[in-house]
Amino acid sequence: MANEWIIDVLVDLQDFARNNDMPGLVKQLDESLAVARAEVAAGRRVTAPSAIEHLLRSAQKWPGY
C-alpha cells in the first residue's frame, strides 16, 4: 500500500507526544490514526497536503494546544 507512510508519520508523532508528556496530542493522534487507517484500508489516496489539512482541522478542537 503506497499510503502506509501516513500511518508511520502519525505513529512517530504520537511517540514524540507520549515521550514529551503531551497527553492531549496523544489522544488527538489516536483519532487521526483511526481515520488514516480507515482511509488507507478503503483505498483512498492520502496526499501530504490533505493529511496536514486534516491534522490542522483536528487541532482546532483543542484550544490552547
N, C-alpha and C. Protein backbone atom coordinates (compact mmCIF):
# COMPACT_ATOMS: atom_id res chain seq x y z
N MET A 1 0.84 -1.19 0.00
CA MET A 1 0.00 0.00 0.00
C MET A 1 0.88 1.25 0.00
N ALA A 2 0.70 2.05 -0.99
CA ALA A 2 1.52 3.23 -1.15
C ALA A 2 1.25 4.31 -0.11
N ASN A 3 0.12 4.24 0.56
CA ASN A 3 -0.24 5.29 1.50
C ASN A 3 0.07 4.96 2.96
N GLU A 4 0.74 3.85 3.20
CA GLU A 4 1.09 3.47 4.57
C GLU A 4 1.97 4.51 5.25
N TRP A 5 2.66 5.32 4.48
CA TRP A 5 3.57 6.31 5.06
C TRP A 5 2.87 7.22 6.04
N ILE A 6 1.62 7.56 5.80
CA ILE A 6 0.92 8.50 6.67
C ILE A 6 0.74 7.89 8.06
N ILE A 7 0.51 6.60 8.12
CA ILE A 7 0.36 5.93 9.42
C ILE A 7 1.69 5.96 10.16
N ASP A 8 2.79 5.72 9.46
CA ASP A 8 4.11 5.78 10.08
C ASP A 8 4.40 7.17 10.65
N VAL A 9 4.05 8.20 9.90
CA VAL A 9 4.27 9.57 10.35
C VAL A 9 3.45 9.86 11.61
N LEU A 10 2.19 9.46 11.60
CA LEU A 10 1.33 9.71 12.76
C LEU A 10 1.81 8.94 13.99
N VAL A 11 2.28 7.71 13.80
CA VAL A 11 2.82 6.93 14.91
C VAL A 11 4.07 7.61 15.47
N ASP A 12 4.94 8.10 14.59
CA ASP A 12 6.13 8.81 15.06
C ASP A 12 5.75 10.05 15.86
N LEU A 13 4.77 10.81 15.37
CA LEU A 13 4.32 11.99 16.10
C LEU A 13 3.73 11.61 17.45
N GLN A 14 2.99 10.52 17.48
CA GLN A 14 2.38 10.08 18.73
C GLN A 14 3.46 9.63 19.72
N ASP A 15 4.48 8.94 19.25
CA ASP A 15 5.59 8.55 20.12
C ASP A 15 6.26 9.79 20.72
N PHE A 16 6.49 10.79 19.88
CA PHE A 16 7.09 12.03 20.36
C PHE A 16 6.21 12.67 21.44
N ALA A 17 4.92 12.75 21.17
CA ALA A 17 3.99 13.36 22.12
C ALA A 17 3.97 12.58 23.43
N ARG A 18 3.95 11.27 23.35
CA ARG A 18 3.93 10.44 24.55
C ARG A 18 5.22 10.64 25.36
N ASN A 19 6.36 10.69 24.68
CA ASN A 19 7.65 10.85 25.36
C ASN A 19 7.86 12.25 25.91
N ASN A 20 7.04 13.21 25.49
CA ASN A 20 7.20 14.59 25.93
C ASN A 20 5.99 15.09 26.72
N ASP A 21 5.28 14.15 27.33
CA ASP A 21 4.17 14.46 28.23
C ASP A 21 3.15 15.40 27.60
N MET A 22 2.64 14.99 26.45
CA MET A 22 1.62 15.76 25.73
C MET A 22 0.37 14.89 25.55
N PRO A 23 -0.37 14.63 26.64
CA PRO A 23 -1.49 13.69 26.56
C PRO A 23 -2.61 14.13 25.62
N GLY A 24 -2.85 15.41 25.50
CA GLY A 24 -3.88 15.88 24.58
C GLY A 24 -3.54 15.55 23.14
N LEU A 25 -2.28 15.72 22.80
CA LEU A 25 -1.84 15.40 21.44
C LEU A 25 -1.87 13.90 21.19
N VAL A 26 -1.48 13.12 22.20
CA VAL A 26 -1.55 11.66 22.07
C VAL A 26 -2.98 11.24 21.75
N LYS A 27 -3.94 11.79 22.48
CA LYS A 27 -5.35 11.45 22.26
C LYS A 27 -5.80 11.86 20.85
N GLN A 28 -5.42 13.06 20.44
CA GLN A 28 -5.81 13.54 19.11
C GLN A 28 -5.20 12.67 18.02
N LEU A 29 -3.97 12.26 18.21
CA LEU A 29 -3.32 11.41 17.22
C LEU A 29 -3.95 10.02 17.18
N ASP A 30 -4.50 9.54 18.30
CA ASP A 30 -5.27 8.29 18.28
C ASP A 30 -6.42 8.41 17.28
N GLU A 31 -7.12 9.53 17.36
CA GLU A 31 -8.24 9.76 16.44
C GLU A 31 -7.76 9.88 15.00
N SER A 32 -6.66 10.61 14.81
CA SER A 32 -6.12 10.77 13.46
C SER A 32 -5.65 9.44 12.88
N LEU A 33 -5.05 8.60 13.73
CA LEU A 33 -4.62 7.28 13.27
C LEU A 33 -5.81 6.43 12.85
N ALA A 34 -6.89 6.50 13.58
CA ALA A 34 -8.09 5.73 13.22
C ALA A 34 -8.61 6.16 11.86
N VAL A 35 -8.64 7.47 11.62
CA VAL A 35 -9.09 7.99 10.33
C VAL A 35 -8.14 7.54 9.22
N ALA A 36 -6.85 7.69 9.46
CA ALA A 36 -5.86 7.32 8.44
C ALA A 36 -5.95 5.84 8.11
N ARG A 37 -6.05 5.00 9.13
CA ARG A 37 -6.13 3.55 8.88
C ARG A 37 -7.37 3.20 8.08
N ALA A 38 -8.49 3.81 8.42
CA ALA A 38 -9.74 3.53 7.70
C ALA A 38 -9.64 3.98 6.24
N GLU A 39 -9.07 5.14 6.02
CA GLU A 39 -8.99 5.66 4.66
C GLU A 39 -7.98 4.89 3.82
N VAL A 40 -6.87 4.49 4.44
CA VAL A 40 -5.89 3.68 3.71
C VAL A 40 -6.52 2.33 3.37
N ALA A 41 -7.22 1.73 4.33
CA ALA A 41 -7.87 0.44 4.09
C ALA A 41 -8.93 0.54 2.99
N ALA A 42 -9.58 1.69 2.90
CA ALA A 42 -10.61 1.89 1.87
C ALA A 42 -9.99 2.18 0.50
N GLY A 43 -8.68 2.29 0.46
CA GLY A 43 -8.01 2.52 -0.80
C GLY A 43 -7.97 3.97 -1.23
N ARG A 44 -8.27 4.87 -0.32
CA ARG A 44 -8.22 6.29 -0.67
C ARG A 44 -6.78 6.75 -0.75
N ARG A 45 -6.54 7.61 -1.71
CA ARG A 45 -5.20 8.17 -1.85
C ARG A 45 -5.03 9.28 -0.82
N VAL A 46 -3.99 9.17 -0.02
CA VAL A 46 -3.70 10.16 1.00
C VAL A 46 -2.49 10.96 0.56
N THR A 47 -2.67 12.23 0.31
CA THR A 47 -1.55 13.07 -0.09
C THR A 47 -1.08 13.87 1.11
N ALA A 48 0.15 14.30 1.08
CA ALA A 48 0.70 15.06 2.21
C ALA A 48 -0.15 16.28 2.52
N PRO A 49 -0.55 17.09 1.54
CA PRO A 49 -1.35 18.27 1.88
C PRO A 49 -2.67 17.90 2.55
N SER A 50 -3.37 16.86 2.09
CA SER A 50 -4.65 16.53 2.71
C SER A 50 -4.44 16.00 4.12
N ALA A 51 -3.36 15.29 4.36
CA ALA A 51 -3.08 14.79 5.70
C ALA A 51 -2.78 15.95 6.65
N ILE A 52 -2.01 16.90 6.19
CA ILE A 52 -1.68 18.06 7.01
C ILE A 52 -2.93 18.88 7.28
N GLU A 53 -3.77 19.06 6.27
CA GLU A 53 -5.03 19.80 6.47
C GLU A 53 -5.89 19.11 7.51
N HIS A 54 -5.95 17.79 7.48
CA HIS A 54 -6.74 17.05 8.47
C HIS A 54 -6.20 17.29 9.88
N LEU A 55 -4.89 17.23 10.02
CA LEU A 55 -4.29 17.45 11.34
C LEU A 55 -4.57 18.87 11.83
N LEU A 56 -4.49 19.84 10.95
CA LEU A 56 -4.76 21.22 11.35
C LEU A 56 -6.21 21.40 11.76
N ARG A 57 -7.14 20.81 11.01
CA ARG A 57 -8.56 20.89 11.39
C ARG A 57 -8.78 20.20 12.73
N SER A 58 -8.15 19.06 12.93
CA SER A 58 -8.30 18.33 14.18
C SER A 58 -7.74 19.12 15.35
N ALA A 59 -6.64 19.81 15.13
CA ALA A 59 -6.01 20.58 16.20
C ALA A 59 -6.90 21.72 16.68
N GLN A 60 -7.79 22.19 15.84
CA GLN A 60 -8.68 23.27 16.23
C GLN A 60 -9.66 22.84 17.32
N LYS A 61 -9.83 21.53 17.51
CA LYS A 61 -10.69 21.01 18.56
C LYS A 61 -10.05 21.18 19.94
N TRP A 62 -8.77 21.46 19.96
CA TRP A 62 -8.02 21.52 21.21
C TRP A 62 -7.49 22.93 21.45
N PRO A 63 -8.35 23.87 21.81
CA PRO A 63 -7.87 25.23 22.06
C PRO A 63 -6.83 25.24 23.16
N GLY A 64 -5.83 26.03 22.98
CA GLY A 64 -4.77 26.13 23.98
C GLY A 64 -3.61 25.19 23.74
N TYR A 65 -3.74 24.30 22.75
CA TYR A 65 -2.63 23.40 22.43
C TYR A 65 -1.96 23.87 21.19
